[in-house]
């Protein structure tokens, strides 16, 4: 059973309430998404660690209800 984009968005907002989140359905099948997430939670973390946080937020659905997720993660730019 594919994961609706609304469900994916809800998981990400719950884990990263401060984030700017944009999700694209790449294949139109509810199974292949690209998510762009900009969150202060990613500040100072490697790309691998950022992606691990996102996968943890999906609570085990990656590889099951969610087949493919292309991630673009970053921290917001610092001002000063």
PDB file of N, CA and C in Angstrom:
ATOM      1  N   UNK A   1       0.850  -1.183   0.000  1.00  0.00           N
ATOM      2  CA  UNK A   1       0.000   0.000   0.000  1.00  0.00           C
ATOM      3  C   UNK A   1       0.892   1.242   0.000  1.00  0.00           C
ATOM      4  N   UNK A   2       0.797   2.081  -1.021  1.00  0.00           N
ATOM      5  CA  UNK A   2       1.619   3.291  -1.088  1.00  0.00           C
ATOM      6  C   UNK A   2       1.297   4.258   0.055  1.00  0.00           C
ATOM      7  N   UNK A   3       2.228   5.169   0.291  1.00  0.00           N
ATOM      8  CA  UNK A   3       2.044   6.183   1.327  1.00  0.00           C
ATOM      9  C   UNK A   3       1.566   7.481   0.679  1.00  0.00           C
ATOM     10  N   UNK A   4       0.393   7.972   1.059  1.00  0.00           N
ATOM     11  CA  UNK A   4      -0.068   9.258   0.515  1.00  0.00           C
ATOM     12  C   UNK A   4       0.896  10.382   0.904  1.00  0.00           C
ATOM     13  N   UNK A   5       1.021  11.369   0.037  1.00  0.00           N
ATOM     14  CA  UNK A   5       1.912  12.491   0.288  1.00  0.00           C
ATOM     15  C   UNK A   5       1.546  13.193   1.595  1.00  0.00           C
ATOM     16  N   UNK A   6       0.257  13.234   1.932  1.00  0.00           N
ATOM     17  CA  UNK A   6      -0.170  13.880   3.184  1.00  0.00           C
ATOM     18  C   UNK A   6       0.395  13.160   4.404  1.00  0.00           C
ATOM     19  N   UNK A   7       0.476  11.843   4.322  1.00  0.00           N
ATOM     20  CA  UNK A   7       1.027  11.052   5.430  1.00  0.00           C
ATOM     21  C   UNK A   7       2.520  11.297   5.559  1.00  0.00           C
ATOM     22  N   UNK A   8       3.223  11.283   4.426  1.00  0.00           N
ATOM     23  CA  UNK A   8       4.657  11.567   4.435  1.00  0.00           C
ATOM     24  C   UNK A   8       4.910  12.952   5.022  1.00  0.00           C
ATOM     25  N   UNK A   9       4.145  13.941   4.582  1.00  0.00           N
ATOM     26  CA  UNK A   9       4.306  15.301   5.081  1.00  0.00           C
ATOM     27  C   UNK A   9       4.063  15.357   6.591  1.00  0.00           C
ATOM     28  N   UNK A  10       3.052  14.647   7.066  1.00  0.00           N
ATOM     29  CA  UNK A  10       2.733  14.648   8.501  1.00  0.00           C
ATOM     30  C   UNK A  10       3.884  14.080   9.326  1.00  0.00           C
ATOM     31  N   UNK A  11       4.499  12.997   8.865  1.00  0.00           N
ATOM     32  CA  UNK A  11       5.655  12.431   9.582  1.00  0.00           C
ATOM     33  C   UNK A  11       6.792  13.447   9.655  1.00  0.00           C
ATOM     34  N   UNK A  12       7.045  14.125   8.552  1.00  0.00           N
ATOM     35  CA  UNK A  12       8.159  15.072   8.514  1.00  0.00           C
ATOM     36  C   UNK A  12       7.888  16.300   9.371  1.00  0.00           C
ATOM     37  N   UNK A  13       6.664  16.814   9.345  1.00  0.00           N
ATOM     38  CA  UNK A  13       6.317  17.970  10.175  1.00  0.00           C
ATOM     39  C   UNK A  13       6.394  17.617  11.658  1.00  0.00           C
ATOM     40  N   UNK A  14       5.973  16.418  12.002  1.00  0.00           N
ATOM     41  CA  UNK A  14       6.032  15.984  13.400  1.00  0.00           C
ATOM     42  C   UNK A  14       7.488  15.958  13.884  1.00  0.00           C
ATOM     43  N   UNK A  15       8.383  15.479  13.045  1.00  0.00           N
ATOM     44  CA  UNK A  15       9.789  15.368  13.442  1.00  0.00           C
ATOM     45  C   UNK A  15      10.542  16.685  13.332  1.00  0.00           C
ATOM     46  N   UNK A  16      10.144  17.522  12.369  1.00  0.00           N
ATOM     47  CA  UNK A  16      10.854  18.776  12.100  1.00  0.00           C
ATOM     48  C   UNK A  16       9.851  19.925  12.022  1.00  0.00           C
ATOM     49  N   UNK A  17       9.269  20.323  13.163  1.00  0.00           N
ATOM     50  CA  UNK A  17       8.197  21.323  13.148  1.00  0.00           C
ATOM     51  C   UNK A  17       8.635  22.688  12.615  1.00  0.00           C
ATOM     52  N   UNK A  18       9.919  22.993  12.684  1.00  0.00           N
ATOM     53  CA  UNK A  18      10.419  24.288  12.218  1.00  0.00           C
ATOM     54  C   UNK A  18      10.737  24.298  10.729  1.00  0.00           C
ATOM     55  N   UNK A  19      10.648  23.152  10.079  1.00  0.00           N
ATOM     56  CA  UNK A  19      11.206  22.980   8.741  1.00  0.00           C
ATOM     57  C   UNK A  19      10.370  23.576   7.623  1.00  0.00           C
ATOM     58  N   UNK A  20      11.072  23.928   6.559  1.00  0.00           N
ATOM     59  CA  UNK A  20      10.446  24.188   5.269  1.00  0.00           C
ATOM     60  C   UNK A  20      10.504  22.852   4.538  1.00  0.00           C
ATOM     61  N   UNK A  21       9.354  22.343   4.132  1.00  0.00           N
ATOM     62  CA  UNK A  21       9.278  21.013   3.529  1.00  0.00           C
ATOM     63  C   UNK A  21       8.567  21.107   2.182  1.00  0.00           C
ATOM     64  N   UNK A  22       9.202  20.568   1.154  1.00  0.00           N
ATOM     65  CA  UNK A  22       8.584  20.477  -0.167  1.00  0.00           C
ATOM     66  C   UNK A  22       8.691  19.031  -0.632  1.00  0.00           C
ATOM     67  N   UNK A  23       7.574  18.457  -1.049  1.00  0.00           N
ATOM     68  CA  UNK A  23       7.550  17.060  -1.477  1.00  0.00           C
ATOM     69  C   UNK A  23       7.009  16.985  -2.900  1.00  0.00           C
ATOM     70  N   UNK A  24       7.723  16.240  -3.746  1.00  0.00           N
ATOM     71  CA  UNK A  24       7.287  15.993  -5.121  1.00  0.00           C
ATOM     72  C   UNK A  24       7.063  14.501  -5.300  1.00  0.00           C
ATOM     73  N   UNK A  25       5.932  14.136  -5.914  1.00  0.00           N
ATOM     74  CA  UNK A  25       5.650  12.746  -6.275  1.00  0.00           C
ATOM     75  C   UNK A  25       6.306  12.516  -7.634  1.00  0.00           C
ATOM     76  N   UNK A  26       7.397  11.779  -7.659  1.00  0.00           N
ATOM     77  CA  UNK A  26       8.208  11.658  -8.867  1.00  0.00           C
ATOM     78  C   UNK A  26       7.583  10.786  -9.948  1.00  0.00           C
ATOM     79  N   UNK A  27       6.797   9.799  -9.551  1.00  0.00           N
ATOM     80  CA  UNK A  27       6.256   8.848 -10.530  1.00  0.00           C
ATOM     81  C   UNK A  27       4.732   8.881 -10.606  1.00  0.00           C
ATOM     82  N   UNK A  28       4.095   9.661  -9.738  1.00  0.00           N
ATOM     83  CA  UNK A  28       2.642   9.719  -9.728  1.00  0.00           C
ATOM     84  C   UNK A  28       1.983   8.492  -9.146  1.00  0.00           C
ATOM     85  N   UNK A  29       2.777   7.683  -8.438  1.00  0.00           N
ATOM     86  CA  UNK A  29       2.254   6.417  -7.912  1.00  0.00           C
ATOM     87  C   UNK A  29       2.178   6.378  -6.384  1.00  0.00           C
ATOM     88  N   UNK A  30       2.526   7.490  -5.713  1.00  0.00           N
ATOM     89  CA  UNK A  30       2.493   7.515  -4.261  1.00  0.00           C
ATOM     90  C   UNK A  30       3.557   6.639  -3.634  1.00  0.00           C
ATOM     91  N   UNK A  31       4.577   6.311  -4.404  1.00  0.00           N
ATOM     92  CA  UNK A  31       5.587   5.370  -3.935  1.00  0.00           C
ATOM     93  C   UNK A  31       7.010   5.889  -4.122  1.00  0.00           C
ATOM     94  N   UNK A  32       7.165   6.941  -4.925  1.00  0.00           N
ATOM     95  CA  UNK A  32       8.476   7.497  -5.240  1.00  0.00           C
ATOM     96  C   UNK A  32       8.408   9.017  -5.072  1.00  0.00           C
ATOM     97  N   UNK A  33       9.058   9.510  -4.039  1.00  0.00           N
ATOM     98  CA  UNK A  33       8.997  10.929  -3.718  1.00  0.00           C
ATOM     99  C   UNK A  33      10.387  11.557  -3.671  1.00  0.00           C
ATOM    100  N   UNK A  34      10.398  12.873  -3.830  1.00  0.00           N
ATOM    101  CA  UNK A  34      11.574  13.678  -3.498  1.00  0.00           C
ATOM    102  C   UNK A  34      11.123  14.638  -2.416  1.00  0.00           C
ATOM    103  N   UNK A  35      11.898  14.721  -1.350  1.00  0.00           N
ATOM    104  CA  UNK A  35      11.592  15.656  -0.266  1.00  0.00           C
ATOM    105  C   UNK A  35      12.770  16.598  -0.071  1.00  0.00           C
ATOM    106  N   UNK A  36      12.451  17.897  -0.066  1.00  0.00           N
ATOM    107  CA  UNK A  36      13.440  18.918   0.260  1.00  0.00           C
ATOM    108  C   UNK A  36      13.077  19.461   1.633  1.00  0.00           C
ATOM    109  N   UNK A  37      14.010  19.331   2.573  1.00  0.00           N
ATOM    110  CA  UNK A  37      13.746  19.711   3.958  1.00  0.00           C
ATOM    111  C   UNK A  37      14.848  20.641   4.433  1.00  0.00           C
ATOM    112  N   UNK A  38      14.452  21.822   4.881  1.00  0.00           N
ATOM    113  CA  UNK A  38      15.393  22.777   5.462  1.00  0.00           C
ATOM    114  C   UNK A  38      14.991  22.937   6.923  1.00  0.00           C
ATOM    115  N   UNK A  39      15.878  22.502   7.816  1.00  0.00           N
ATOM    116  CA  UNK A  39      15.562  22.520   9.242  1.00  0.00           C
ATOM    117  C   UNK A  39      16.793  22.851  10.069  1.00  0.00           C
ATOM    118  N   UNK A  40      16.590  23.615  11.128  1.00  0.00           N
ATOM    119  CA  UNK A  40      17.680  23.913  12.061  1.00  0.00           C
ATOM    120  C   UNK A  40      18.201  22.636  12.723  1.00  0.00           C
ATOM    121  N   UNK A  41      17.395  21.581  12.751  1.00  0.00           N
ATOM    122  CA  UNK A  41      17.825  20.302  13.338  1.00  0.00           C
ATOM    123  C   UNK A  41      19.027  19.720  12.605  1.00  0.00           C
ATOM    124  N   UNK A  42      19.254  20.152  11.362  1.00  0.00           N
ATOM    125  CA  UNK A  42      20.348  19.611  10.561  1.00  0.00           C
ATOM    126  C   UNK A  42      21.651  20.395  10.722  1.00  0.00           C
ATOM    127  N   UNK A  43      21.628  21.495  11.448  1.00  0.00           N
ATOM    128  CA  UNK A  43      22.810  22.348  11.589  1.00  0.00           C
ATOM    129  C   UNK A  43      23.975  21.557  12.164  1.00  0.00           C
ATOM    130  N   UNK A  44      25.111  21.629  11.503  1.00  0.00           N
ATOM    131  CA  UNK A  44      26.324  20.995  11.985  1.00  0.00           C
ATOM    132  C   UNK A  44      26.405  19.494  11.753  1.00  0.00           C
ATOM    133  N   UNK A  45      25.387  18.914  11.116  1.00  0.00           N
ATOM    134  CA  UNK A  45      25.380  17.468  10.884  1.00  0.00           C
ATOM    135  C   UNK A  45      25.812  17.150   9.460  1.00  0.00           C
ATOM    136  N   UNK A  46      26.455  16.000   9.301  1.00  0.00           N
ATOM    137  CA  UNK A  46      26.801  15.544   7.956  1.00  0.00           C
ATOM    138  C   UNK A  46      25.522  15.192   7.204  1.00  0.00           C
ATOM    139  N   UNK A  47      25.621  15.107   5.894  1.00  0.00           N
ATOM    140  CA  UNK A  47      24.471  14.736   5.069  1.00  0.00           C
ATOM    141  C   UNK A  47      23.948  13.360   5.490  1.00  0.00           C
ATOM    142  N   UNK A  48      24.848  12.444   5.799  1.00  0.00           N
ATOM    143  CA  UNK A  48      24.423  11.103   6.229  1.00  0.00           C
ATOM    144  C   UNK A  48      23.601  11.186   7.509  1.00  0.00           C
ATOM    145  N   UNK A  49      24.064  11.954   8.479  1.00  0.00           N
ATOM    146  CA  UNK A  49      23.330  12.103   9.741  1.00  0.00           C
ATOM    147  C   UNK A  49      21.974  12.771   9.510  1.00  0.00           C
ATOM    148  N   UNK A  50      21.931  13.769   8.628  1.00  0.00           N
ATOM    149  CA  UNK A  50      20.669  14.437   8.307  1.00  0.00           C
ATOM    150  C   UNK A  50      19.675  13.427   7.747  1.00  0.00           C
ATOM    151  N   UNK A  51      20.128  12.610   6.817  1.00  0.00           N
ATOM    152  CA  UNK A  51      19.249  11.618   6.206  1.00  0.00           C
ATOM    153  C   UNK A  51      18.826  10.558   7.214  1.00  0.00           C
ATOM    154  N   UNK A  52      19.706  10.187   8.122  1.00  0.00           N
ATOM    155  CA  UNK A  52      19.339   9.230   9.173  1.00  0.00           C
ATOM    156  C   UNK A  52      18.219   9.785  10.050  1.00  0.00           C
ATOM    157  N   UNK A  53      18.251  11.085  10.342  1.00  0.00           N
ATOM    158  CA  UNK A  53      17.173  11.709  11.111  1.00  0.00           C
ATOM    159  C   UNK A  53      15.842  11.619  10.365  1.00  0.00           C
ATOM    160  N   UNK A  54      15.895  11.846   9.058  1.00  0.00           N
ATOM    161  CA  UNK A  54      14.666  11.768   8.258  1.00  0.00           C
ATOM    162  C   UNK A  54      14.137  10.336   8.255  1.00  0.00           C
ATOM    163  N   UNK A  55      15.018   9.362   8.031  1.00  0.00           N
ATOM    164  CA  UNK A  55      14.571   7.964   8.017  1.00  0.00           C
ATOM    165  C   UNK A  55      13.976   7.569   9.367  1.00  0.00           C
ATOM    166  N   UNK A  56      14.573   8.041  10.453  1.00  0.00           N
ATOM    167  CA  UNK A  56      14.030   7.754  11.790  1.00  0.00           C
ATOM    168  C   UNK A  56      12.642   8.361  11.943  1.00  0.00           C
ATOM    169  N   UNK A  57      12.436   9.543  11.365  1.00  0.00           N
ATOM    170  CA  UNK A  57      11.134  10.213  11.453  1.00  0.00           C
ATOM    171  C   UNK A  57      10.047   9.418  10.739  1.00  0.00           C
ATOM    172  N   UNK A  58      10.433   8.605   9.765  1.00  0.00           N
ATOM    173  CA  UNK A  58       9.462   7.829   8.994  1.00  0.00           C
ATOM    174  C   UNK A  58       9.031   6.553   9.707  1.00  0.00           C
ATOM    175  N   UNK A  59       9.577   6.318  10.877  1.00  0.00           N
ATOM    176  CA  UNK A  59       9.127   5.256  11.784  1.00  0.00           C
ATOM    177  C   UNK A  59       9.012   3.887  11.112  1.00  0.00           C
ATOM    178  N   UNK A  60      10.034   3.521  10.344  1.00  0.00           N
ATOM    179  CA  UNK A  60      10.074   2.192   9.768  1.00  0.00           C
ATOM    180  C   UNK A  60       9.319   2.016   8.461  1.00  0.00           C
ATOM    181  N   UNK A  61       8.740   3.086   7.929  1.00  0.00           N
ATOM    182  CA  UNK A  61       7.973   2.955   6.688  1.00  0.00           C
ATOM    183  C   UNK A  61       8.842   2.966   5.431  1.00  0.00           C
ATOM    184  N   UNK A  62      10.096   3.414   5.560  1.00  0.00           N
ATOM    185  CA  UNK A  62      10.986   3.426   4.402  1.00  0.00           C
ATOM    186  C   UNK A  62      11.252   1.997   3.970  1.00  0.00           C
ATOM    187  N   UNK A  63      11.075   1.730   2.695  1.00  0.00           N
ATOM    188  CA  UNK A  63      11.267   0.373   2.177  1.00  0.00           C
ATOM    189  C   UNK A  63      10.011  -0.470   2.257  1.00  0.00           C
ATOM    190  N   UNK A  64       8.994   0.030   2.963  1.00  0.00           N
ATOM    191  CA  UNK A  64       7.711  -0.664   3.038  1.00  0.00           C
ATOM    192  C   UNK A  64       6.673   0.137   2.271  1.00  0.00           C
ATOM    193  N   UNK A  65       5.882   0.920   3.009  1.00  0.00           N
ATOM    194  CA  UNK A  65       4.870   1.764   2.377  1.00  0.00           C
ATOM    195  C   UNK A  65       5.511   2.824   1.492  1.00  0.00           C
ATOM    196  N   UNK A  66       6.725   3.175   1.824  1.00  0.00           N
ATOM    197  CA  UNK A  66       7.456   4.179   1.056  1.00  0.00           C
ATOM    198  C   UNK A  66       8.638   3.498   0.391  1.00  0.00           C
ATOM    199  N   UNK A  67       8.548   3.339  -0.929  1.00  0.00           N
ATOM    200  CA  UNK A  67       9.567   2.573  -1.652  1.00  0.00           C
ATOM    201  C   UNK A  67      10.831   3.383  -1.917  1.00  0.00           C
ATOM    202  N   UNK A  68      10.677   4.610  -2.386  1.00  0.00           N
ATOM    203  CA  UNK A  68      11.836   5.407  -2.753  1.00  0.00           C
ATOM    204  C   UNK A  68      11.636   6.860  -2.319  1.00  0.00           C
ATOM    205  N   UNK A  69      12.674   7.406  -1.694  1.00  0.00           N
ATOM    206  CA  UNK A  69      12.629   8.787  -1.239  1.00  0.00           C
ATOM    207  C   UNK A  69      13.974   9.435  -1.527  1.00  0.00           C
ATOM    208  N   UNK A  70      13.985  10.355  -2.470  1.00  0.00           N
ATOM    209  CA  UNK A  70      15.185  11.138  -2.748  1.00  0.00           C
ATOM    210  C   UNK A  70      15.182  12.318  -1.785  1.00  0.00           C
ATOM    211  N   UNK A  71      16.255  12.477  -1.047  1.00  0.00           N
ATOM    212  CA  UNK A  71      16.308  13.523  -0.025  1.00  0.00           C
ATOM    213  C   UNK A  71      17.266  14.646  -0.400  1.00  0.00           C
ATOM    214  N   UNK A  72      16.825  15.853  -0.144  1.00  0.00           N
ATOM    215  CA  UNK A  72      17.672  17.039  -0.191  1.00  0.00           C
ATOM    216  C   UNK A  72      17.479  17.724   1.155  1.00  0.00           C
ATOM    217  N   UNK A  73      18.491  17.646   2.000  1.00  0.00           N
ATOM    218  CA  UNK A  73      18.371  18.215   3.341  1.00  0.00           C
ATOM    219  C   UNK A  73      19.426  19.287   3.546  1.00  0.00           C
ATOM    220  N   UNK A  74      19.070  20.282   4.361  1.00  0.00           N
ATOM    221  CA  UNK A  74      20.031  21.324   4.705  1.00  0.00           C
ATOM    222  C   UNK A  74      19.520  22.097   5.911  1.00  0.00           C
ATOM    223  N   UNK A  75      20.449  22.781   6.541  1.00  0.00           N
ATOM    224  CA  UNK A  75      20.101  23.715   7.612  1.00  0.00           C
ATOM    225  C   UNK A  75      19.835  25.067   6.969  1.00  0.00           C
ATOM    226  N   UNK A  76      19.007  25.901   7.614  1.00  0.00           N
ATOM    227  CA  UNK A  76      18.786  27.237   7.059  1.00  0.00           C
ATOM    228  C   UNK A  76      20.087  28.034   7.079  1.00  0.00           C
ATOM    229  N   UNK A  77      20.239  28.986   6.176  1.00  0.00           N
ATOM    230  CA  UNK A  77      21.454  29.803   6.192  1.00  0.00           C
ATOM    231  C   UNK A  77      21.532  30.602   7.486  1.00  0.00           C
ATOM    232  N   UNK A  78      22.739  30.766   7.965  1.00  0.00           N
ATOM    233  CA  UNK A  78      22.927  31.555   9.183  1.00  0.00           C
ATOM    234  C   UNK A  78      23.072  33.021   8.792  1.00  0.00           C
ATOM    235  N   UNK A  79      22.543  33.871   9.640  1.00  0.00           N
ATOM    236  CA  UNK A  79      22.663  35.310   9.414  1.00  0.00           C
ATOM    237  C   UNK A  79      23.577  35.881  10.471  1.00  0.00           C
ATOM    238  N   UNK A  80      24.249  36.907  10.127  1.00  0.00           N
ATOM    239  CA  UNK A  80      25.072  37.471  11.165  1.00  0.00           C
ATOM    240  C   UNK A  80      26.220  38.185  10.626  1.00  0.00           C
TER     241      UNK A  80
END
